[in-house]
């Protein structure tokens, strides 16, 4: 597994975990980007295959996107992914209440998830007691 931290300048953009990384280099003869072995790599393809990241410390690919991939360890990868998830998921603290909603309790995502898990456990227990499972 290859863990990389993707940066644009001094800003961390994301982190990716590559099980089978696709390494890229510039073929000088035709001036195109091609897949290559790790030993010749200048860049790495994003997980979704849509972006090429410059590998830190390797000869420049002359990319326009400004993204650089820095190899990292699993703990740093997890910290980056967790911090991005927390930043994106503000609904737990301030759920949006749609107009026209009556006065019933509005659950946060965390409360709703806990309630669904509780009900699933109760259903499983009832199935066992009734011998339906």
Protein backbone atom coordinates (compact mmCIF):
# COMPACT_ATOMS: atom_id res chain seq x y z
CA UNK A 1 0.00 0.00 0.00
CA UNK A 2 1.32 3.42 -0.95
CA UNK A 3 -0.01 6.36 1.05
CA UNK A 4 0.39 9.81 -0.50
CA UNK A 5 -0.43 13.30 0.73
CA UNK A 6 -1.54 15.57 -2.13
CA UNK A 7 -0.55 19.22 -1.80
CA UNK A 8 -1.04 22.32 -3.90
CA UNK A 9 1.72 24.67 -2.81
CA UNK A 10 1.64 24.68 1.00
CA UNK A 11 -1.98 23.48 1.24
CA UNK A 12 -2.93 19.84 1.85
CA UNK A 13 -5.63 19.00 -0.70
CA UNK A 14 -6.27 15.35 0.13
CA UNK A 15 -4.62 12.01 0.83
CA UNK A 16 -4.90 8.77 -1.09
CA UNK A 17 -4.12 5.12 -0.38
CA UNK A 18 -2.94 3.31 -3.51
CA UNK A 19 -3.10 -0.47 -3.43
CA UNK A 20 -1.78 -0.72 -6.99
CA UNK A 21 -0.28 2.67 -7.82
CA UNK A 22 -0.07 3.73 -11.46
CA UNK A 23 3.24 5.48 -11.98
CA UNK A 24 3.71 8.01 -14.78
CA UNK A 25 6.71 9.48 -16.59
CA UNK A 26 7.16 11.77 -19.57
CA UNK A 27 8.31 10.00 -22.71
CA UNK A 28 10.85 12.44 -24.11
CA UNK A 29 10.72 11.12 -27.67
CA UNK A 30 7.01 11.90 -28.15
CA UNK A 31 6.59 14.37 -25.27
CA UNK A 32 3.66 12.43 -23.79
CA UNK A 33 2.87 10.98 -20.37
CA UNK A 34 3.07 7.20 -20.20
CA UNK A 35 2.73 4.50 -17.57
CA UNK A 36 6.07 3.31 -16.25
CA UNK A 37 7.73 1.24 -13.50
CA UNK A 38 8.20 2.90 -10.11
CA UNK A 39 11.95 3.28 -10.64
CA UNK A 40 11.36 5.67 -13.58
CA UNK A 41 8.30 7.42 -12.11
CA UNK A 42 7.97 11.19 -12.12
CA UNK A 43 4.30 11.21 -11.16
CA UNK A 44 1.41 9.09 -9.98
CA UNK A 45 -2.14 8.78 -11.27
CA UNK A 46 -4.97 9.70 -8.87
CA UNK A 47 -7.20 6.92 -7.56
CA UNK A 48 -10.03 7.85 -9.92
CA UNK A 49 -7.61 8.14 -12.86
CA UNK A 50 -8.56 11.75 -13.60
CA UNK A 51 -5.44 13.58 -12.39
CA UNK A 52 -1.68 13.13 -12.56
CA UNK A 53 0.25 14.26 -9.48
CA UNK A 54 3.91 15.25 -9.61
CA UNK A 55 5.96 13.01 -7.28
CA UNK A 56 7.99 15.01 -4.78
CA UNK A 57 11.72 15.01 -5.50
CA UNK A 58 11.38 13.63 -9.04
CA UNK A 59 12.10 15.44 -12.33
CA UNK A 60 9.25 17.76 -13.29
CA UNK A 61 6.43 16.55 -15.50
CA UNK A 62 5.55 20.18 -16.33
CA UNK A 63 1.96 19.72 -15.17
CA UNK A 64 -0.47 22.63 -15.14
CA UNK A 65 -2.42 21.52 -12.06
CA UNK A 66 0.24 22.27 -9.41
CA UNK A 67 -0.46 19.12 -7.37
CA UNK A 68 2.44 17.29 -5.75
CA UNK A 69 2.24 13.83 -4.16
CA UNK A 70 4.33 13.25 -1.05
CA UNK A 71 4.73 9.66 0.14
CA UNK A 72 3.51 9.40 3.74
CA UNK A 73 2.68 6.87 6.44
CA UNK A 74 -0.72 5.37 7.24
CA UNK A 75 -1.20 7.42 10.43
CA UNK A 76 -0.73 10.74 8.62
CA UNK A 77 -3.00 9.52 5.80
CA UNK A 78 -5.73 8.68 8.34
CA UNK A 79 -5.33 12.05 10.09
CA UNK A 80 -5.79 13.91 6.80
CA UNK A 81 -8.80 11.83 5.74
CA UNK A 82 -10.42 12.16 9.20
CA UNK A 83 -9.86 15.93 9.31
CA UNK A 84 -11.45 16.32 5.86
CA UNK A 85 -14.44 14.22 6.92
CA UNK A 86 -14.92 16.33 10.05
CA UNK A 87 -14.70 19.57 8.06
CA UNK A 88 -17.25 18.36 5.50
CA UNK A 89 -19.72 16.95 8.07
CA UNK A 90 -21.03 19.97 9.94
CA UNK A 91 -24.61 18.71 9.84
CA UNK A 92 -24.12 16.79 13.09
CA UNK A 93 -23.72 20.04 15.01
CA UNK A 94 -26.25 22.18 13.13
CA UNK A 95 -28.85 20.12 11.28
CA UNK A 96 -30.68 22.05 8.60
CA UNK A 97 -34.40 22.21 9.37
CA UNK A 98 -36.48 22.39 6.19
CA UNK A 99 -39.29 24.95 5.91
CA UNK A 100 -42.72 23.57 6.71
CA UNK A 101 -41.34 21.04 9.19
CA UNK A 102 -43.61 20.51 12.17
CA UNK A 103 -42.39 20.69 15.76
CA UNK A 104 -41.15 17.08 15.97
CA UNK A 105 -37.58 16.47 17.05
CA UNK A 106 -35.01 16.82 14.28
CA UNK A 107 -32.18 14.31 14.75
CA UNK A 108 -28.59 14.98 13.80
CA UNK A 109 -26.88 12.50 11.50
CA UNK A 110 -25.07 10.88 14.46
CA UNK A 111 -28.32 10.56 16.46
CA UNK A 112 -30.15 9.11 13.47
CA UNK A 113 -27.36 6.59 12.83
CA UNK A 114 -27.42 5.52 16.49
CA UNK A 115 -31.22 5.13 16.38
CA UNK A 116 -31.10 3.02 13.20
CA UNK A 117 -28.41 0.79 14.73
CA UNK A 118 -30.49 0.38 17.90
CA UNK A 119 -33.60 -0.56 15.89
CA UNK A 120 -31.63 -3.03 13.76
CA UNK A 121 -30.34 -4.73 16.93
CA UNK A 122 -33.88 -4.92 18.35
CA UNK A 123 -35.16 -6.41 15.09
CA UNK A 124 -32.40 -9.01 15.08
CA UNK A 125 -33.22 -9.97 18.70
CA UNK A 126 -36.94 -10.27 17.87
CA UNK A 127 -36.17 -12.53 14.88
CA UNK A 128 -34.08 -14.80 17.10
CA UNK A 129 -36.84 -14.99 19.75
CA UNK A 130 -39.46 -15.79 17.12
CA UNK A 131 -37.18 -18.29 15.38
CA UNK A 132 -37.55 -16.57 12.02
CA UNK A 133 -33.86 -16.14 11.32
